[in-house]
Protein backbone atom coordinates (compact mmCIF):
# COMPACT_ATOMS: atom_id res chain seq x y z
CA MET A 1 -31.52 41.38 -18.93
CA GLY A 2 -29.75 43.68 -16.82
CA LEU A 3 -31.91 42.64 -14.30
CA ILE A 4 -31.06 39.52 -14.44
CA PHE A 5 -27.73 39.86 -14.79
CA THR A 6 -27.39 41.69 -11.37
CA ALA A 7 -29.74 39.45 -9.50
CA GLY A 8 -27.10 36.03 -10.74
CA LEU A 9 -23.76 38.50 -9.52
CA GLN A 10 -25.93 39.78 -6.50
CA ILE A 11 -26.27 35.67 -5.50
CA LYS A 12 -22.84 35.19 -6.51
CA ILE A 13 -21.58 38.09 -4.52
CA LEU A 14 -23.84 36.81 -1.21
CA HIS A 15 -22.65 33.21 -1.42
CA TRP A 16 -18.75 34.37 -1.66
CA ALA A 17 -19.69 36.89 1.19
CA PHE A 18 -20.95 33.89 3.32
CA ILE A 19 -18.29 31.56 2.70
CA LEU A 20 -15.97 34.51 3.92
CA PHE A 21 -18.29 35.07 6.43
CA LEU A 22 -17.34 31.21 7.94
CA GLN A 23 -13.86 31.30 7.09
CA LEU A 24 -14.01 34.22 9.58
CA CYS A 25 -16.37 32.45 12.48
CA ALA A 26 -13.67 29.95 12.08
CA ASP A 27 -10.51 31.98 12.81
CA SER A 28 -12.16 33.95 15.35
CA THR A 29 -13.01 30.24 17.26
CA ASP A 30 -8.94 30.85 18.55
CA VAL A 31 -9.65 33.07 21.55
CA PHE A 32 -8.89 30.27 23.87
CA ASP A 33 -5.64 30.17 25.76
CA LYS A 34 -3.30 27.84 23.91
CA ASN A 35 -2.26 26.68 27.18
CA THR A 36 -5.79 25.27 28.82
CA ILE A 37 -6.16 23.53 25.62
CA PRO A 38 -5.45 19.35 26.04
CA THR A 39 -2.76 17.95 23.87
CA ILE A 40 -3.20 14.38 22.64
CA ASN A 41 0.06 13.28 21.20
CA LYS A 42 -0.69 10.80 18.15
CA THR A 43 2.07 8.91 16.52
CA VAL A 44 1.53 6.71 13.35
CA THR A 45 3.58 5.04 10.73
CA LEU A 46 3.81 6.37 7.12
CA GLY A 47 1.18 4.76 5.32
CA GLU A 48 -1.55 4.20 7.82
CA THR A 49 -4.80 5.65 8.27
CA VAL A 50 -5.54 8.14 11.50
CA VAL A 51 -8.94 9.44 13.01
CA PHE A 52 -9.31 12.33 14.93
CA HIS A 53 -12.76 12.50 17.04
CA CYS A 54 -14.26 15.37 18.30
CA ASN A 55 -16.79 14.38 20.56
CA ASP A 56 -19.84 17.23 20.64
CA THR A 57 -20.41 17.75 24.26
CA GLU A 58 -20.70 21.81 23.55
CA VAL A 59 -23.51 24.32 22.97
CA LYS A 60 -25.30 22.93 20.09
CA GLU A 61 -25.47 25.89 17.79
CA ALA A 62 -21.69 26.72 17.72
CA ASP A 63 -19.66 26.15 14.80
CA LYS A 64 -18.13 22.80 14.37
CA GLY A 65 -14.81 22.15 12.57
CA TRP A 66 -10.90 20.93 12.45
CA ARG A 67 -7.92 22.96 11.83
CA LYS A 68 -4.44 22.00 10.71
CA LYS A 69 -2.20 25.07 12.87
CA ASN A 70 -3.93 28.12 11.90
CA ILE A 71 -5.58 26.78 8.26
CA THR A 72 -9.58 25.89 8.62
CA LEU A 73 -9.73 22.33 7.14
CA PHE A 74 -13.34 22.29 7.47
CA ASN A 75 -16.63 24.13 9.30
CA TYR A 76 -19.96 23.31 10.24
CA SER A 77 -22.34 26.10 10.77
CA PRO A 78 -25.54 24.75 12.55
CA VAL A 79 -27.27 28.24 12.34
CA VAL A 80 -26.96 28.18 8.44
CA ASN A 81 -26.87 24.46 7.63
CA LYS A 82 -23.74 24.84 5.95
CA SER A 83 -20.07 23.69 5.63
CA VAL A 84 -17.21 24.62 4.04
CA THR A 85 -14.00 22.65 3.20
CA ASN A 86 -10.72 23.98 2.78
CA TYR A 87 -8.36 20.32 2.66
CA THR A 88 -4.79 20.88 2.56
CA SER A 89 -4.53 17.29 0.99
CA ARG A 90 -7.13 14.63 -1.29
CA ARG A 91 -6.63 11.81 1.22
CA MET A 92 -8.57 14.19 3.62
CA LEU A 93 -12.09 13.52 5.00
CA ALA A 94 -14.09 15.20 7.41
CA ASP A 95 -17.15 15.97 9.33
CA PRO A 96 -17.73 17.75 12.37
CA LEU A 97 -17.48 14.84 14.76
CA LYS A 98 -14.18 13.19 12.87
CA LEU A 99 -11.33 13.59 10.96
CA GLN A 100 -9.87 10.87 8.75
CA ILE A 101 -6.33 11.24 6.87
CA SER A 102 -5.73 8.03 4.84
CA ASN A 103 -2.26 7.27 3.71
CA VAL A 104 -0.55 9.46 5.71
CA GLN A 105 2.66 11.37 4.40
CA PRO A 106 5.22 13.30 6.25
CA SER A 107 3.51 16.45 5.06
CA ASP A 108 0.63 15.66 7.19
CA ALA A 109 2.19 16.14 10.40
CA GLY A 110 1.61 18.71 12.76
CA SER A 111 -1.30 20.15 14.97
CA TYR A 112 -4.83 19.53 14.41
CA THR A 113 -7.81 20.95 16.76
CA CYS A 114 -11.53 20.29 16.58
CA PHE A 115 -12.50 23.75 17.90
CA THR A 116 -15.85 22.42 19.12
CA LEU A 117 -14.26 20.28 22.08
CA LYS A 118 -11.36 22.70 22.24
CA THR A 119 -8.47 19.99 22.07
CA GLU A 120 -5.39 19.44 20.24
CA TRP A 121 -3.77 16.50 18.69
CA ILE A 122 -0.01 16.38 17.40
CA LEU A 123 0.21 14.04 15.10
CA SER A 124 3.78 12.63 14.43
CA ILE A 125 4.68 10.42 11.50
CA LYS A 126 7.19 7.65 12.14
CA GLU A 127 8.94 5.54 8.95
CA GLN A 128 8.28 2.01 8.76
CA ASP A 129 10.48 -0.12 10.65
CA THR A 130 12.02 -3.06 8.10
CA ALA A 131 14.22 -4.42 10.66
CA ASN A 132 10.89 -5.49 13.31
CA ASN A 133 9.02 -6.43 10.09
CA PRO A 134 7.38 -10.04 10.00
CA GLU A 135 7.12 -9.95 6.58
CA LYS A 136 11.24 -9.98 6.11
CA PRO A 137 11.79 -12.93 7.42
CA GLN A 138 8.82 -14.55 5.18
CA MET A 139 9.97 -12.99 2.19
CA PHE A 140 13.53 -14.43 2.70
CA LEU A 141 12.15 -17.56 3.68
CA TYR A 142 10.13 -18.18 0.05
CA ILE A 143 12.99 -16.90 -1.82
CA ILE A 144 15.55 -19.39 -0.48
CA LEU A 145 12.76 -22.26 -1.00
CA SER A 146 11.72 -20.85 -4.70
CA VAL A 147 15.76 -21.07 -5.40
CA THR A 148 16.01 -24.52 -4.38
CA GLY A 149 12.80 -25.80 -5.82
CA ALA A 150 14.23 -24.47 -8.99
CA VAL A 151 17.70 -25.58 -8.60
CA ALA A 152 16.19 -29.37 -8.24
CA VAL A 153 13.83 -29.15 -11.45
CA CYS A 154 17.34 -28.45 -13.20
CA LEU A 155 19.03 -30.90 -11.62
CA ILE A 156 16.52 -33.75 -12.58
CA ILE A 157 15.99 -32.31 -15.85
CA ILE A 158 19.89 -32.48 -16.21
CA CYS A 159 19.44 -36.31 -15.05
CA ILE A 160 17.15 -37.57 -17.04
CA VAL A 161 18.52 -35.91 -20.30
CA GLN A 162 21.86 -37.88 -19.33
CA ILE A 163 20.26 -41.00 -18.77
CA HIS A 164 18.39 -40.69 -22.23
CA ARG A 165 21.70 -40.07 -24.02
CA LYS A 166 22.86 -42.79 -22.42
CA ARG A 167 19.91 -45.61 -23.20
CA THR A 168 20.22 -44.47 -26.72
CA ARG A 169 23.86 -44.57 -27.52
CA THR A 170 24.18 -48.34 -26.66
CA GLN A 171 20.77 -48.91 -28.39
CA ALA A 172 21.39 -46.97 -31.76
CA PRO A 173 24.30 -47.20 -34.21
CA ASP A 174 26.48 -44.82 -34.20
CA ALA A 175 25.68 -42.26 -37.11
CA SER A 176 29.44 -43.04 -38.51
CA GLU A 177 29.15 -46.89 -38.80
CA THR A 178 27.31 -47.88 -41.56
CA LYS A 179 24.51 -50.35 -41.17
CA ALA A 180 25.64 -53.80 -42.15
CA GLU A 181 28.88 -52.45 -39.81
CA TYR A 182 26.25 -51.75 -36.79
CA GLU A 183 24.95 -55.59 -37.77
CA THR A 184 28.12 -56.82 -37.68
CA LYS A 185 29.07 -55.62 -34.44
CA VAL A 186 25.85 -56.27 -32.34
CA GLU A 187 26.59 -60.02 -33.73
CA TYR A 188 29.85 -60.22 -32.23
CA GLU A 189 28.55 -59.01 -29.31
CA THR A 190 25.67 -61.61 -28.97
CA LYS A 191 28.46 -64.08 -29.94
CA ALA A 192 30.76 -63.59 -27.28
CA SER A 193 27.88 -63.20 -24.43
CA SER A 194 26.99 -66.75 -25.59
CA ARG A 195 30.69 -67.73 -25.64
CA ILE A 196 30.68 -66.09 -22.03
CA GLU A 197 27.38 -67.86 -20.67
CA VAL A 198 28.54 -71.57 -22.04
CA GLY A 199 31.95 -70.63 -20.54
CA MET A 200 30.18 -70.48 -17.15
CA GLU A 201 28.37 -73.71 -17.47
């Protein structure tokens, strides 16, 4: 039992030693002079997705990976066919040839290096420009049309209600009148209108 326990412990120690070795190897790739590294400035808008590409033209056996400032994000060792990731955000995804950052945030700004290609990208984040946003005039137009339509519908309903009330007043008796008074009133109006018609003839 003690032999199995020590063998499992030895495997874990070797695993962690290997990960530490890969990290040290990745850190040792920073021996080239910073002044000779080509630098590419990349500016993206807040919330966009940015992708950095690393062309694999260097030695095939060399470690490949990505670094942000001095933090190794991704390291692949083709000799042992193992990868180690240490992303600074859940929105990052890397492989030996590309680094992708989704929904870019201000914390993502900074220097990114592909240490096979020895190229550095300086990522800058800009806020969304709402003044030149084409959606803003469309939204304003949508709001104006909606409000105008709602007002028109309300006016039509008010007019229909008023017309209906006017017609029911002339056709139905008042609540204060009795049925006999209403019939007398209708008879009087009928006689008056017939006199006017006779007078016109």
